[in-house]
Amino acid sequence: MTKKEQYKQYFLKHAANWEKYRKRRSYYWDSITEYCSYFIHKDNSVLEIGCGTGELLAGINCNKKTGIDFCEPLINKAREKYSGIRFEVMDAENISLDEKYDVIVLSNLIGVLEDIETVFNQLKKVSHEKTRIIITYYNRIWEPFIKLAEFTGLKRKMPDQNWLSTHDISNLLYLAGFETFRQNRSMFIPYKIPLLSSFINKFLSRLPFLNALSLNQFVFARPCPVTEDKDEEDKKYSVSVVIPARNESGNIEAAIKRVPEMGRFTEIIFVEGNSTDDTWDVIQQMYDKYKNKRPLQIMQQEGKGKGDAVRKGYAAAKGDILMILDADLTVAPEDLPKFYNAIASGKGEFINGVRLVYPMEKNAMRPLNTLGNYFFSRLFSWLLEMPVKDTLCGTKVMFRNDYLKLAENRSFFGDFDPFGDFDLLFGAFKLNLKIIDLPIRYRERKYGDTNISRFRHGAILLKMAMFAAGKIKFM
């Protein structure tokens, strides 16, 4: 008897009491549903493969949901309970749906598959270039404990399962044409013990080092980018470069001259805010001088802070790709095509500039600022579950369509960030975008003084980190 036949018999045998058994262990399953839901938005279409009686799909808040499973009695129960969800009897090895989905979930399924790579290859039939794959499964180091739970009756005994590390899962995904961009683990106690389970699972299981021992592992993947003709790629998108400017009058004309042409067109948007010098006057003069030579927009912000300026500029932007360039030009405008190439080629969906790789010019960053940047890079890499080496580099790039979704969901984090960097980073995390670092050379400012206060702004950053921990890590 094949492994698939063994499992088919197993699920048929237990279909009658499947809901009751799952309900008794709802604490464990609901935690998976809650975590997956965090990254799924109301306008997403979601497919769950191996949906059983449909509880995970029912717990997700989105507009369009489909579930497939090879066990007909389980699908019949799902249809009875959740009439608003589409359920189909279908083998994971032979998916015949005629739609593409934004999110595909495989929750604790890969352990019972006879050929995981074949199933992963099937996902291409129901994926588009922006599809997100979410795979949940037991951490391999828990295998003896799960077998012990089956032996003692705490868990129902199953036929032999596949036991895979996150590396095994990522490798099989890559062979099928998908790339992993985030991994995470959680949970030490899979049963509800009042106060104790919540504290240990919500906090302890997510701390560094301890996290590697957690029960549940989550793997996030997306289709590997398709290589396009370089000439087509270079003209595929338009670009808006937003330049917040406060007390930067000596850099305005240089910015216009030095920002390269990228994509179909490149517009420059100056957003002046609360300057005490003649920055706004110079911006207006330069607009009159260059408005017939290249696309320009100029405006003044009503609020305060770089974050407010970026949001105002992004709201007016016409380009497909949105870029931020600090008006001090410590990041060279000539480096912006690197960001264009990274996002246009699909290598990433949120491109984060990094100043901490190449040697800096002598006075580009003070030693205490450098130490602070290294500290926050470690902290936010842990928070965002992927390497982010430089959270405070002013140059960040994303697609306008993704930014519009981020802005629509901004209420989740709130208007908490005066800098703008973390509003975008946290929003990109919530949108489940692939964030990649792009090293650049950081140069000494040629005009004016920095607007950054090391200690006051450092305290704000710590406060935001604690806020983010509650919204991202210890949710």
Foldseek 3Di string as FASTA:
>chain_A
DALLVQVLVVCVVCLVCVVVVCVQLVLQVVVVLVVVLLQDDAAWAEEEEQCFLPPSVVSHRYDAYEYEEQHVSRQVNNCVVCVPYHYDNDDLLDDDDQEAGQEYEYEQPQFSDRDVLSSLLVNVNRHDQNHKYKYKHWALVCVVVVVVCCVVVVDPDGPGTDRDHPVRVQVSNVVSQKHWQFKFAFFDDSHDDPPPRLCCGLPVCLDPPNVSVHTMMMTMIGGDFDADDPVCLQAVWEEEEEEEDAQQLVQQLVLVVFQDATHNFYEYEYEYEDHPDCNVVSNVVVCVVCVVPGHYHYYYFPDDFQQSSQVVSLVPDDIQKYKYDYSLCLFPSNCVVVVSCCVSRPVWAKEAEDAPPDDAPDVLDDPVRVVLQQVVQVLVCSQLRHRDNGLQPRIMMHGSVLVVVLVVPLVLLHPQDRHNSVSVVLSCSSNVTRYDYDYTYGYHGPDDDDPDDVPVVSVSSVVVSVSSCVSGRSD
